[in-house]
């Protein structure tokens, strides 16, 4: 048998230190990648929560502004009250405004 094709001694002829270093490097690279993904996930969750809160605050501010404008111009009336001018702020009018805003989005 030709000694150049002898594979029995191949494992013994490879340097052991390079294999251990390569495995350690691979493990360190994997840990760094896992940490990056975890950091990305956490930061995206935080950004998503901030965006949701900002949108919610804007919606509440829009509603408050609409109610304040209606109250300052015409006062507040119950939904069943009749007002010939139609400029009184009613719950029905507020609900109609909210529905129109939701449909616009």
N, C-alpha and C. Protein backbone atom coordinates (compact mmCIF):
# COMPACT_ATOMS: atom_id res chain seq x y z
N UNK A 1 0.85 -1.17 0.00
CA UNK A 1 0.00 0.00 0.00
C UNK A 1 0.89 1.23 0.00
N UNK A 2 0.49 2.23 -0.72
CA UNK A 2 1.25 3.47 -0.84
C UNK A 2 1.11 4.28 0.44
N UNK A 3 2.22 4.78 0.98
CA UNK A 3 2.19 5.52 2.25
C UNK A 3 1.54 6.89 2.09
N UNK A 4 1.49 7.44 0.89
CA UNK A 4 0.85 8.73 0.69
C UNK A 4 -0.68 8.64 0.79
N UNK A 5 -1.22 7.41 0.65
CA UNK A 5 -2.66 7.23 0.76
C UNK A 5 -3.09 6.67 2.12
N UNK A 6 -2.14 6.54 3.03
CA UNK A 6 -2.43 6.00 4.35
C UNK A 6 -3.14 7.06 5.19
N UNK A 7 -4.42 6.86 5.46
CA UNK A 7 -5.22 7.83 6.21
C UNK A 7 -5.28 7.52 7.70
N UNK A 8 -4.71 6.39 8.12
CA UNK A 8 -4.76 6.02 9.54
C UNK A 8 -3.99 7.00 10.41
N UNK A 9 -2.91 7.54 9.92
CA UNK A 9 -2.10 8.45 10.71
C UNK A 9 -2.43 9.91 10.49
N UNK A 10 -3.47 10.20 9.72
CA UNK A 10 -3.82 11.58 9.40
C UNK A 10 -4.20 12.38 10.65
N UNK A 11 -5.01 11.80 11.51
CA UNK A 11 -5.44 12.51 12.72
C UNK A 11 -4.27 12.84 13.61
N UNK A 12 -3.28 11.96 13.68
CA UNK A 12 -2.11 12.19 14.52
C UNK A 12 -1.19 13.25 13.90
N UNK A 13 -1.24 13.38 12.60
CA UNK A 13 -0.33 14.32 11.95
C UNK A 13 -0.85 15.76 11.96
N UNK A 14 -2.15 15.95 12.26
CA UNK A 14 -2.71 17.30 12.33
C UNK A 14 -2.36 17.95 13.66
N UNK A 15 -2.04 19.22 13.65
CA UNK A 15 -1.72 19.90 14.92
C UNK A 15 -2.98 20.06 15.78
N UNK A 16 -2.92 19.64 17.02
CA UNK A 16 -4.07 19.68 17.94
C UNK A 16 -4.37 21.11 18.39
N UNK A 17 -3.38 21.94 18.55
CA UNK A 17 -3.59 23.29 19.04
C UNK A 17 -4.42 24.11 18.07
N UNK A 18 -4.22 23.95 16.78
CA UNK A 18 -4.99 24.71 15.81
C UNK A 18 -6.46 24.32 15.82
N UNK A 19 -6.74 23.06 16.05
CA UNK A 19 -8.12 22.59 16.11
C UNK A 19 -8.83 23.19 17.32
N UNK A 20 -8.17 23.20 18.46
CA UNK A 20 -8.77 23.77 19.66
C UNK A 20 -8.99 25.28 19.49
N UNK A 21 -8.02 25.95 18.90
CA UNK A 21 -8.15 27.39 18.67
C UNK A 21 -9.28 27.67 17.69
N UNK A 22 -9.41 26.86 16.65
CA UNK A 22 -10.47 27.05 15.67
C UNK A 22 -11.84 26.83 16.31
N UNK A 23 -11.96 25.81 17.16
CA UNK A 23 -13.23 25.57 17.84
C UNK A 23 -13.56 26.72 18.80
N UNK A 24 -12.55 27.22 19.50
CA UNK A 24 -12.76 28.33 20.43
C UNK A 24 -13.15 29.59 19.67
N UNK A 25 -12.51 29.85 18.54
CA UNK A 25 -12.86 31.00 17.71
C UNK A 25 -14.28 30.90 17.18
N UNK A 26 -14.64 29.71 16.73
CA UNK A 26 -16.00 29.49 16.22
C UNK A 26 -17.03 29.73 17.32
N UNK A 27 -16.76 29.21 18.53
CA UNK A 27 -17.67 29.41 19.65
C UNK A 27 -17.79 30.89 20.00
N UNK A 28 -16.66 31.59 20.03
CA UNK A 28 -16.69 33.03 20.34
C UNK A 28 -17.46 33.81 19.28
N UNK A 29 -17.27 33.46 18.01
CA UNK A 29 -18.02 34.12 16.94
C UNK A 29 -19.52 33.85 17.06
N UNK A 30 -19.88 32.62 17.41
CA UNK A 30 -21.29 32.28 17.58
C UNK A 30 -21.90 33.06 18.75
N UNK A 31 -21.15 33.15 19.85
CA UNK A 31 -21.65 33.90 21.01
C UNK A 31 -21.84 35.37 20.67
N UNK A 32 -20.90 35.94 19.93
CA UNK A 32 -21.01 37.35 19.54
C UNK A 32 -22.23 37.57 18.64
N UNK A 33 -22.46 36.64 17.71
CA UNK A 33 -23.62 36.75 16.82
C UNK A 33 -24.92 36.63 17.61
N UNK A 34 -24.98 35.70 18.55
CA UNK A 34 -26.18 35.52 19.37
C UNK A 34 -26.45 36.76 20.21
N UNK A 35 -25.40 37.35 20.75
CA UNK A 35 -25.56 38.57 21.54
C UNK A 35 -26.05 39.72 20.67
N UNK A 36 -25.55 39.81 19.44
CA UNK A 36 -26.02 40.86 18.52
C UNK A 36 -27.49 40.71 18.21
N UNK A 37 -27.93 39.49 17.96
CA UNK A 37 -29.35 39.24 17.66
C UNK A 37 -30.21 39.58 18.87
N UNK A 38 -29.76 39.20 20.05
CA UNK A 38 -30.50 39.51 21.27
C UNK A 38 -30.61 41.02 21.48
N UNK A 39 -29.51 41.72 21.27
CA UNK A 39 -29.51 43.17 21.42
C UNK A 39 -30.43 43.83 20.40
N UNK A 40 -30.39 43.35 19.16
CA UNK A 40 -31.28 43.88 18.12
C UNK A 40 -32.73 43.65 18.49
N UNK A 41 -33.07 42.47 18.97
CA UNK A 41 -34.45 42.15 19.35
C UNK A 41 -34.92 43.08 20.47
N UNK A 42 -34.08 43.25 21.49
CA UNK A 42 -34.48 44.09 22.62
C UNK A 42 -34.63 45.55 22.21
N UNK A 43 -33.72 46.04 21.39
CA UNK A 43 -33.83 47.44 20.98
C UNK A 43 -35.03 47.66 20.06
N UNK A 44 -35.36 46.68 19.22
CA UNK A 44 -36.53 46.84 18.35
C UNK A 44 -37.82 46.78 19.16
N UNK A 45 -37.86 45.96 20.19
CA UNK A 45 -39.04 45.94 21.07
C UNK A 45 -39.20 47.27 21.78
N UNK A 46 -38.10 47.83 22.23
CA UNK A 46 -38.14 49.13 22.93
C UNK A 46 -38.60 50.23 21.96
N UNK A 47 -38.07 50.23 20.74
CA UNK A 47 -38.46 51.24 19.75
C UNK A 47 -39.93 51.10 19.38
N UNK A 48 -40.40 49.86 19.26
CA UNK A 48 -41.80 49.62 18.93
C UNK A 48 -42.72 50.13 20.03
N UNK A 49 -42.33 49.90 21.27
CA UNK A 49 -43.14 50.38 22.39
C UNK A 49 -43.17 51.90 22.43
N UNK A 50 -42.02 52.54 22.17
CA UNK A 50 -41.99 54.01 22.14
C UNK A 50 -42.87 54.55 21.03
N UNK A 51 -42.84 53.92 19.85
CA UNK A 51 -43.65 54.37 18.73
C UNK A 51 -45.14 54.20 19.04
N UNK A 52 -45.51 53.08 19.65
CA UNK A 52 -46.91 52.85 20.02
C UNK A 52 -47.36 53.92 21.02
N UNK A 53 -46.55 54.17 22.05
CA UNK A 53 -46.91 55.17 23.06
C UNK A 53 -47.02 56.56 22.46
N UNK A 54 -46.13 56.89 21.53
CA UNK A 54 -46.21 58.21 20.88
C UNK A 54 -47.48 58.32 20.05
N UNK A 55 -47.85 57.28 19.34
CA UNK A 55 -49.09 57.29 18.56
C UNK A 55 -50.32 57.38 19.45
N UNK A 56 -50.30 56.67 20.55
CA UNK A 56 -51.42 56.71 21.48
C UNK A 56 -51.56 58.10 22.08
N UNK A 57 -50.43 58.69 22.47
CA UNK A 57 -50.46 60.05 23.03
C UNK A 57 -50.98 61.05 22.01
N UNK A 58 -50.59 60.90 20.76
CA UNK A 58 -51.07 61.80 19.71
C UNK A 58 -52.58 61.65 19.51
N UNK A 59 -53.06 60.42 19.54
CA UNK A 59 -54.50 60.18 19.39
C UNK A 59 -55.28 60.80 20.55
N UNK A 60 -54.77 60.63 21.75
CA UNK A 60 -55.43 61.24 22.92
C UNK A 60 -55.42 62.76 22.83
N UNK A 61 -54.31 63.32 22.38
CA UNK A 61 -54.20 64.77 22.23
C UNK A 61 -55.18 65.28 21.17
N UNK A 62 -55.32 64.55 20.05
CA UNK A 62 -56.28 64.94 19.01
C UNK A 62 -57.70 64.93 19.56
N UNK A 63 -58.03 63.89 20.32
CA UNK A 63 -59.38 63.79 20.89
C UNK A 63 -59.62 64.92 21.90
N UNK A 64 -58.64 65.16 22.75
CA UNK A 64 -58.77 66.23 23.73
C UNK A 64 -58.94 67.58 23.04
N UNK A 65 -58.18 67.83 22.00
CA UNK A 65 -58.27 69.09 21.27
C UNK A 65 -59.65 69.25 20.64
N UNK A 66 -60.15 68.19 20.05
CA UNK A 66 -61.47 68.24 19.41
C UNK A 66 -62.56 68.51 20.44
N UNK A 67 -62.47 67.87 21.59
CA UNK A 67 -63.47 68.07 22.64
C UNK A 67 -63.39 69.50 23.19
N UNK A 68 -62.16 69.98 23.44
CA UNK A 68 -62.00 71.33 23.96
C UNK A 68 -62.52 72.37 22.98
N UNK A 69 -62.27 72.16 21.70
CA UNK A 69 -62.75 73.09 20.68
C UNK A 69 -64.27 73.10 20.65
N UNK A 70 -64.88 71.92 20.72
CA UNK A 70 -66.33 71.84 20.69
C UNK A 70 -66.98 72.43 21.93
N UNK A 71 -66.36 72.22 23.08
CA UNK A 71 -66.91 72.74 24.33
C UNK A 71 -66.79 74.26 24.36
N UNK A 72 -65.67 74.79 23.88
CA UNK A 72 -65.48 76.24 23.95
C UNK A 72 -66.38 76.98 22.96
N UNK A 73 -66.78 76.35 21.86
CA UNK A 73 -67.63 77.04 20.90
C UNK A 73 -69.11 76.87 21.18
N UNK A 74 -69.51 75.70 21.66
CA UNK A 74 -70.95 75.50 21.77
C UNK A 74 -71.42 74.91 23.06
N UNK A 75 -70.56 74.51 23.94
CA UNK A 75 -70.97 73.89 25.18
C UNK A 75 -71.16 72.39 25.01
N UNK A 76 -71.71 71.77 26.04
CA UNK A 76 -71.91 70.32 26.05
C UNK A 76 -73.39 70.04 26.22
N UNK A 77 -73.88 69.07 25.48
CA UNK A 77 -75.29 68.68 25.61
C UNK A 77 -75.37 67.16 25.59
N UNK A 78 -76.43 66.64 26.09
CA UNK A 78 -76.67 65.20 26.01
C UNK A 78 -76.99 64.84 24.57
N UNK A 79 -76.78 63.58 24.22
CA UNK A 79 -76.99 63.15 22.84
C UNK A 79 -78.42 63.35 22.38
N UNK A 80 -79.37 63.24 23.27
CA UNK A 80 -80.77 63.37 22.88
C UNK A 80 -81.25 64.81 22.81
N UNK A 81 -80.45 65.76 23.27
CA UNK A 81 -80.87 67.16 23.27
C UNK A 81 -80.91 67.70 21.86
N UNK A 82 -81.86 68.58 21.63
CA UNK A 82 -81.95 69.18 20.30
C UNK A 82 -81.35 70.57 20.35
N UNK A 83 -80.56 70.86 19.34
CA UNK A 83 -79.94 72.16 19.24
C UNK A 83 -80.08 72.60 17.79
N UNK A 84 -80.78 73.69 17.54
CA UNK A 84 -80.99 74.08 16.16
C UNK A 84 -79.69 74.47 15.45
N UNK A 85 -78.74 75.01 16.17
CA UNK A 85 -77.48 75.40 15.52
C UNK A 85 -76.59 74.20 15.24
N UNK A 86 -76.69 73.14 16.02
CA UNK A 86 -75.92 71.93 15.80
C UNK A 86 -74.45 72.04 16.18
N UNK A 87 -74.09 73.07 16.93
CA UNK A 87 -72.68 73.26 17.26
C UNK A 87 -72.36 72.83 18.69
N UNK A 88 -73.28 72.16 19.37
CA UNK A 88 -73.07 71.69 20.73
C UNK A 88 -72.34 70.35 20.68
N UNK A 89 -71.38 70.17 21.57
CA UNK A 89 -70.60 68.94 21.63
C UNK A 89 -71.43 67.85 22.29
N UNK A 90 -71.70 66.79 21.57
CA UNK A 90 -72.45 65.66 22.09
C UNK A 90 -71.59 64.41 22.02
N UNK A 91 -71.98 63.41 22.77
CA UNK A 91 -71.26 62.13 22.72
C UNK A 91 -71.35 61.54 21.32
N UNK A 92 -72.49 61.67 20.70
CA UNK A 92 -72.65 61.17 19.33
C UNK A 92 -71.71 61.86 18.36
N UNK A 93 -71.56 63.15 18.52
CA UNK A 93 -70.65 63.90 17.64
C UNK A 93 -69.20 63.46 17.86
N UNK A 94 -68.84 63.24 19.11
CA UNK A 94 -67.49 62.77 19.42
C UNK A 94 -67.26 61.39 18.81
N UNK A 95 -68.25 60.51 18.95
CA UNK A 95 -68.12 59.16 18.39
C UNK A 95 -68.02 59.20 16.87
N UNK A 96 -68.80 60.07 16.23
CA UNK A 96 -68.71 60.22 14.78
C UNK A 96 -67.33 60.71 14.35
N UNK A 97 -66.79 61.66 15.11
CA UNK A 97 -65.46 62.18 14.79
C UNK A 97 -64.40 61.09 14.93
N UNK A 98 -64.50 60.29 16.00
CA UNK A 98 -63.54 59.20 16.23
C UNK A 98 -63.64 58.17 15.11
N UNK A 99 -64.86 57.80 14.72
CA UNK A 99 -65.05 56.84 13.64
C UNK A 99 -64.46 57.36 12.33
N UNK A 100 -64.67 58.62 12.05
CA UNK A 100 -64.12 59.20 10.82
C UNK A 100 -62.59 59.19 10.85
N UNK A 101 -62.01 59.48 12.01
CA UNK A 101 -60.53 59.44 12.13
C UNK A 101 -60.00 58.03 11.95
N UNK A 102 -60.70 57.05 12.52
CA UNK A 102 -60.27 55.65 12.39
C UNK A 102 -60.36 55.18 10.94
N UNK A 103 -61.39 55.59 10.23
CA UNK A 103 -61.53 55.21 8.82
C UNK A 103 -60.46 55.88 7.96
N UNK A 104 -60.05 57.09 8.35
CA UNK A 104 -59.02 57.79 7.60
C UNK A 104 -57.66 57.11 7.73
N UNK A 105 -57.45 56.46 8.83
CA UNK A 105 -56.17 55.76 9.06
C UNK A 105 -56.25 54.44 8.34
